[in-house]
Amino acid sequence: MQPYIYNGDYIRCAPFGRSRLYGIDAPEMPGACRPGRNCVPGDPYDSRDNLRALVAKGNIMCRQLDTDRYGQPVLQCWNEDGDLSCQQVEAGQVVPRYGRLECPPSYQSRSPK
């Protein structure tokens, strides 16, 4: 079964259920940025669609690294090209946050477009 992608840092897949990708923060979907929160700038649909394209390549593997403050698993996931969080950073679709994301030197931390 293909993982479900809601936005650029959210993935739902067996056996973990609703989960966050480790070390990144994506632009929020309209209406999802809570008052007082400093939300990531950028296009949430582009971020989501980029992650969907990465997942569509198939052979997604995940492991749970942590649990967030809402009780959701925090996952490290990868495809044949590498870590999905790092690929999202490299594409400029998310910002590194909430951890110590370690990406190969070719992955540059860039702000979303």
N, C-alpha and C. Protein backbone atom coordinates (compact mmCIF):
# COMPACT_ATOMS: atom_id res chain seq x y z
N MET A 1 0.83 -1.18 0.00
CA MET A 1 0.00 0.00 0.00
C MET A 1 0.88 1.25 0.00
N GLN A 2 0.57 2.19 -0.85
CA GLN A 2 1.32 3.44 -0.98
C GLN A 2 1.09 4.32 0.24
N PRO A 3 2.15 4.91 0.82
CA PRO A 3 1.95 5.85 1.93
C PRO A 3 1.10 7.04 1.50
N TYR A 4 0.34 7.58 2.44
CA TYR A 4 -0.49 8.76 2.19
C TYR A 4 0.30 9.99 2.61
N ILE A 5 0.31 11.01 1.77
CA ILE A 5 1.02 12.25 2.04
C ILE A 5 0.00 13.38 2.13
N TYR A 6 -0.05 14.05 3.28
CA TYR A 6 -0.97 15.19 3.45
C TYR A 6 -0.27 16.51 3.15
N ASN A 7 0.96 16.67 3.66
CA ASN A 7 1.73 17.88 3.38
C ASN A 7 3.20 17.50 3.24
N GLY A 8 4.08 18.48 3.24
CA GLY A 8 5.48 18.21 2.95
C GLY A 8 6.29 17.56 4.04
N ASP A 9 5.71 17.35 5.23
CA ASP A 9 6.45 16.68 6.30
C ASP A 9 5.60 15.64 7.05
N TYR A 10 4.53 15.22 6.45
CA TYR A 10 3.57 14.30 7.07
C TYR A 10 3.44 13.06 6.18
N ILE A 11 3.48 11.89 6.79
CA ILE A 11 3.33 10.65 6.04
C ILE A 11 2.51 9.68 6.89
N ARG A 12 1.63 8.97 6.26
CA ARG A 12 0.86 7.92 6.94
C ARG A 12 1.16 6.61 6.23
N CYS A 13 1.71 5.67 6.97
CA CYS A 13 2.04 4.38 6.37
C CYS A 13 2.00 3.30 7.45
N ALA A 14 1.78 2.08 7.00
CA ALA A 14 1.78 0.94 7.92
C ALA A 14 3.23 0.64 8.28
N PRO A 15 3.52 0.24 9.45
CA PRO A 15 2.65 0.02 10.60
C PRO A 15 2.56 1.22 11.54
N PHE A 16 3.09 2.38 11.11
CA PHE A 16 3.23 3.53 12.01
C PHE A 16 1.99 4.41 12.11
N GLY A 17 1.18 4.44 11.08
CA GLY A 17 0.03 5.34 11.06
C GLY A 17 0.47 6.77 10.78
N ARG A 18 -0.30 7.73 11.28
CA ARG A 18 -0.02 9.15 11.05
C ARG A 18 1.31 9.52 11.71
N SER A 19 2.24 10.04 10.91
CA SER A 19 3.60 10.28 11.39
C SER A 19 4.19 11.55 10.79
N ARG A 20 5.23 12.05 11.43
CA ARG A 20 5.99 13.19 10.93
C ARG A 20 7.34 12.70 10.44
N LEU A 21 7.86 13.37 9.42
CA LEU A 21 9.22 13.07 8.98
C LEU A 21 10.20 13.80 9.89
N TYR A 22 11.28 13.13 10.22
CA TYR A 22 12.26 13.65 11.15
C TYR A 22 12.99 14.88 10.62
N GLY A 23 13.13 15.88 11.50
CA GLY A 23 14.05 16.98 11.28
C GLY A 23 13.64 18.06 10.32
N ILE A 24 12.38 18.07 9.87
CA ILE A 24 11.98 19.08 8.90
C ILE A 24 10.64 19.72 9.30
N ASP A 25 10.41 20.91 8.74
CA ASP A 25 9.14 21.60 8.91
C ASP A 25 8.74 22.15 7.55
N ALA A 26 7.51 21.87 7.14
CA ALA A 26 7.00 22.27 5.83
C ALA A 26 6.01 23.41 5.96
N PRO A 27 5.78 24.14 4.87
CA PRO A 27 4.72 25.15 4.88
C PRO A 27 3.38 24.49 5.24
N GLU A 28 2.59 25.18 6.05
CA GLU A 28 1.30 24.64 6.49
C GLU A 28 0.23 24.81 5.42
N MET A 29 -0.68 23.87 5.38
CA MET A 29 -1.83 23.98 4.49
C MET A 29 -2.68 25.16 4.96
N PRO A 30 -3.47 25.76 4.07
CA PRO A 30 -4.29 26.92 4.46
C PRO A 30 -5.12 26.63 5.72
N GLY A 31 -5.07 27.56 6.65
CA GLY A 31 -5.83 27.45 7.88
C GLY A 31 -5.17 26.61 8.96
N ALA A 32 -4.03 25.99 8.68
CA ALA A 32 -3.39 25.10 9.64
C ALA A 32 -2.33 25.78 10.51
N CYS A 33 -1.96 27.01 10.18
CA CYS A 33 -0.96 27.72 10.98
C CYS A 33 -1.65 28.37 12.17
N ARG A 34 -1.38 27.83 13.34
CA ARG A 34 -2.01 28.35 14.56
C ARG A 34 -1.57 29.78 14.85
N PRO A 35 -2.44 30.61 15.40
CA PRO A 35 -2.08 31.98 15.77
C PRO A 35 -0.87 31.98 16.72
N GLY A 36 0.06 32.89 16.46
CA GLY A 36 1.25 33.01 17.28
C GLY A 36 2.39 32.10 16.88
N ARG A 37 2.17 31.20 15.96
CA ARG A 37 3.22 30.28 15.52
C ARG A 37 3.94 30.88 14.33
N ASN A 38 5.25 30.72 14.29
CA ASN A 38 6.06 31.19 13.18
C ASN A 38 6.12 30.06 12.14
N CYS A 39 5.19 30.07 11.21
CA CYS A 39 5.10 29.00 10.23
C CYS A 39 6.06 29.21 9.06
N VAL A 40 6.48 28.11 8.48
CA VAL A 40 7.43 28.11 7.36
C VAL A 40 6.78 28.77 6.15
N PRO A 41 7.49 29.70 5.50
CA PRO A 41 6.95 30.30 4.28
C PRO A 41 7.05 29.32 3.12
N GLY A 42 6.29 29.58 2.09
CA GLY A 42 6.37 28.75 0.89
C GLY A 42 5.02 28.20 0.50
N ASP A 43 5.00 27.47 -0.57
CA ASP A 43 3.77 26.90 -1.12
C ASP A 43 3.55 25.50 -0.56
N PRO A 44 2.54 25.32 0.29
CA PRO A 44 2.32 24.00 0.89
C PRO A 44 1.97 22.93 -0.14
N TYR A 45 1.33 23.32 -1.23
CA TYR A 45 0.96 22.35 -2.25
C TYR A 45 2.17 21.86 -3.02
N ASP A 46 3.12 22.76 -3.31
CA ASP A 46 4.35 22.34 -3.96
C ASP A 46 5.15 21.40 -3.07
N SER A 47 5.21 21.74 -1.78
CA SER A 47 5.94 20.90 -0.83
C SER A 47 5.31 19.50 -0.75
N ARG A 48 3.99 19.46 -0.63
CA ARG A 48 3.27 18.18 -0.59
C ARG A 48 3.50 17.39 -1.87
N ASP A 49 3.36 18.06 -3.02
CA ASP A 49 3.49 17.36 -4.30
C ASP A 49 4.90 16.83 -4.52
N ASN A 50 5.90 17.56 -4.03
CA ASN A 50 7.27 17.07 -4.16
C ASN A 50 7.46 15.80 -3.33
N LEU A 51 6.93 15.80 -2.10
CA LEU A 51 7.04 14.60 -1.27
C LEU A 51 6.26 13.45 -1.89
N ARG A 52 5.11 13.71 -2.46
CA ARG A 52 4.35 12.66 -3.14
C ARG A 52 5.15 12.07 -4.29
N ALA A 53 5.87 12.92 -5.04
CA ALA A 53 6.69 12.43 -6.15
C ALA A 53 7.84 11.56 -5.64
N LEU A 54 8.43 11.94 -4.51
CA LEU A 54 9.51 11.13 -3.93
C LEU A 54 8.99 9.77 -3.50
N VAL A 55 7.81 9.75 -2.90
CA VAL A 55 7.21 8.51 -2.43
C VAL A 55 6.76 7.64 -3.62
N ALA A 56 6.33 8.27 -4.69
CA ALA A 56 5.85 7.53 -5.86
C ALA A 56 6.96 6.73 -6.52
N LYS A 57 8.21 7.05 -6.22
CA LYS A 57 9.32 6.27 -6.78
C LYS A 57 9.32 4.84 -6.25
N GLY A 58 8.62 4.64 -5.13
CA GLY A 58 8.46 3.29 -4.58
C GLY A 58 9.58 2.89 -3.64
N ASN A 59 9.45 1.67 -3.10
CA ASN A 59 10.42 1.09 -2.18
C ASN A 59 10.72 2.00 -1.00
N ILE A 60 9.68 2.54 -0.37
CA ILE A 60 9.84 3.42 0.78
C ILE A 60 10.06 2.57 2.04
N MET A 61 11.09 2.89 2.77
CA MET A 61 11.38 2.22 4.03
C MET A 61 11.41 3.28 5.12
N CYS A 62 10.89 2.94 6.30
CA CYS A 62 10.85 3.89 7.41
C CYS A 62 11.24 3.20 8.70
N ARG A 63 11.75 4.01 9.61
CA ARG A 63 12.01 3.54 10.98
C ARG A 63 11.63 4.66 11.92
N GLN A 64 11.10 4.28 13.06
CA GLN A 64 10.69 5.29 14.05
C GLN A 64 11.90 5.71 14.87
N LEU A 65 12.09 7.03 14.96
CA LEU A 65 13.19 7.59 15.73
C LEU A 65 12.73 8.17 17.06
N ASP A 66 11.47 8.61 17.11
CA ASP A 66 10.99 9.33 18.29
C ASP A 66 9.47 9.38 18.25
N THR A 67 8.89 10.06 19.22
CA THR A 67 7.46 10.36 19.27
C THR A 67 7.35 11.85 19.54
N ASP A 68 6.47 12.55 18.79
CA ASP A 68 6.35 13.99 19.00
C ASP A 68 5.45 14.29 20.20
N ARG A 69 5.29 15.59 20.50
CA ARG A 69 4.52 15.97 21.69
C ARG A 69 3.04 15.65 21.58
N TYR A 70 2.58 15.29 20.38
CA TYR A 70 1.18 14.91 20.17
C TYR A 70 1.01 13.38 20.16
N GLY A 71 2.10 12.66 20.43
CA GLY A 71 2.04 11.21 20.47
C GLY A 71 2.20 10.53 19.12
N GLN A 72 2.52 11.31 18.09
CA GLN A 72 2.70 10.73 16.76
C GLN A 72 4.13 10.25 16.57
N PRO A 73 4.31 9.14 15.87
CA PRO A 73 5.67 8.70 15.56
C PRO A 73 6.42 9.73 14.71
N VAL A 74 7.70 9.86 14.96
CA VAL A 74 8.59 10.66 14.13
C VAL A 74 9.47 9.66 13.40
N LEU A 75 9.41 9.71 12.06
CA LEU A 75 10.06 8.69 11.25
C LEU A 75 11.21 9.23 10.42
N GLN A 76 12.18 8.38 10.20
CA GLN A 76 13.17 8.59 9.16
C GLN A 76 12.74 7.65 8.04
N CYS A 77 12.51 8.21 6.85
CA CYS A 77 12.09 7.41 5.71
C CYS A 77 13.02 7.69 4.54
N TRP A 78 13.19 6.70 3.71
CA TRP A 78 14.04 6.87 2.55
C TRP A 78 13.54 6.03 1.38
N ASN A 79 13.98 6.44 0.20
CA ASN A 79 13.74 5.68 -1.03
C ASN A 79 15.11 5.35 -1.62
N GLU A 80 15.15 4.88 -2.85
CA GLU A 80 16.43 4.48 -3.44
C GLU A 80 17.39 5.66 -3.60
N ASP A 81 16.89 6.89 -3.58
CA ASP A 81 17.75 8.06 -3.72
C ASP A 81 18.23 8.62 -2.39
N GLY A 82 17.72 8.11 -1.28
CA GLY A 82 18.17 8.56 0.03
C GLY A 82 17.05 9.02 0.94
N ASP A 83 17.44 9.73 1.98
CA ASP A 83 16.54 10.19 3.03
C ASP A 83 15.51 11.18 2.46
N LEU A 84 14.22 10.94 2.73
CA LEU A 84 13.17 11.81 2.20
C LEU A 84 13.25 13.21 2.79
N SER A 85 13.57 13.33 4.07
CA SER A 85 13.70 14.66 4.68
C SER A 85 14.80 15.45 3.99
N CYS A 86 15.94 14.82 3.74
CA CYS A 86 17.05 15.51 3.08
C CYS A 86 16.68 15.89 1.65
N GLN A 87 15.94 15.03 0.97
CA GLN A 87 15.53 15.35 -0.39
C GLN A 87 14.56 16.53 -0.41
N GLN A 88 13.71 16.62 0.60
CA GLN A 88 12.79 17.76 0.70
C GLN A 88 13.57 19.05 0.96
N VAL A 89 14.60 18.98 1.80
CA VAL A 89 15.45 20.15 2.06
C VAL A 89 16.17 20.55 0.78
N GLU A 90 16.75 19.58 0.11
CA GLU A 90 17.50 19.86 -1.12
C GLU A 90 16.62 20.53 -2.17
N ALA A 91 15.36 20.13 -2.23
CA ALA A 91 14.43 20.70 -3.21
C ALA A 91 13.91 22.08 -2.79
N GLY A 92 14.27 22.52 -1.58
CA GLY A 92 13.82 23.83 -1.11
C GLY A 92 12.36 23.83 -0.69
N GLN A 93 11.81 22.68 -0.36
CA GLN A 93 10.40 22.55 -0.02
C GLN A 93 10.12 22.61 1.48
N VAL A 94 11.14 22.47 2.30
CA VAL A 94 11.00 22.47 3.76
C VAL A 94 12.24 23.13 4.36
N VAL A 95 12.19 23.37 5.66
CA VAL A 95 13.38 23.84 6.37
C VAL A 95 13.76 22.80 7.42
N PRO A 96 15.06 22.65 7.68
CA PRO A 96 15.47 21.76 8.76
C PRO A 96 15.04 22.34 10.09
N ARG A 97 14.46 21.51 10.94
CA ARG A 97 13.97 21.96 12.25
C ARG A 97 13.65 20.72 13.08
N TYR A 98 13.56 20.89 14.38
CA TYR A 98 13.12 19.81 15.29
C TYR A 98 14.07 18.62 15.31
N GLY A 99 15.34 18.85 15.34
CA GLY A 99 16.26 17.72 15.43
C GLY A 99 17.58 18.06 14.79
N ARG A 100 18.37 17.04 14.64
CA ARG A 100 19.69 17.21 14.03
C ARG A 100 19.72 16.41 12.74
N LEU A 101 19.08 16.93 11.73
CA LEU A 101 19.03 16.27 10.44
C LEU A 101 20.43 16.26 9.84
N GLU A 102 20.92 15.08 9.53
CA GLU A 102 22.25 14.94 8.95
C GLU A 102 22.11 14.47 7.51
N CYS A 103 22.39 15.39 6.59
CA CYS A 103 22.27 15.11 5.17
C CYS A 103 23.66 15.15 4.54
N PRO A 104 23.84 14.42 3.44
CA PRO A 104 25.12 14.50 2.72
C PRO A 104 25.41 15.96 2.34
N PRO A 105 26.67 16.32 2.18
CA PRO A 105 27.04 17.70 1.86
C PRO A 105 26.35 18.26 0.62
N SER A 106 25.95 17.41 -0.31
CA SER A 106 25.30 17.91 -1.52
C SER A 106 23.91 18.47 -1.23
N TYR A 107 23.32 18.09 -0.08
CA TYR A 107 22.01 18.61 0.29
C TYR A 107 22.21 19.94 1.01
N GLN A 108 21.80 21.03 0.38
CA GLN A 108 22.00 22.34 0.96
C GLN A 108 20.72 22.80 1.63
N SER A 109 20.84 23.39 2.80
CA SER A 109 19.68 23.92 3.51
C SER A 109 19.25 25.21 2.83
N ARG A 110 18.11 25.18 2.20
CA ARG A 110 17.57 26.34 1.52
C ARG A 110 16.17 26.60 2.00
N SER A 111 15.77 27.83 1.98
CA SER A 111 14.40 28.17 2.34
C SER A 111 13.47 27.77 1.20
N PRO A 112 12.22 27.46 1.51
CA PRO A 112 11.25 27.17 0.46
C PRO A 112 11.12 28.36 -0.48
N LYS A 113 10.75 28.04 -1.70
CA LYS A 113 10.59 29.07 -2.74
C LYS A 113 9.48 30.03 -2.42
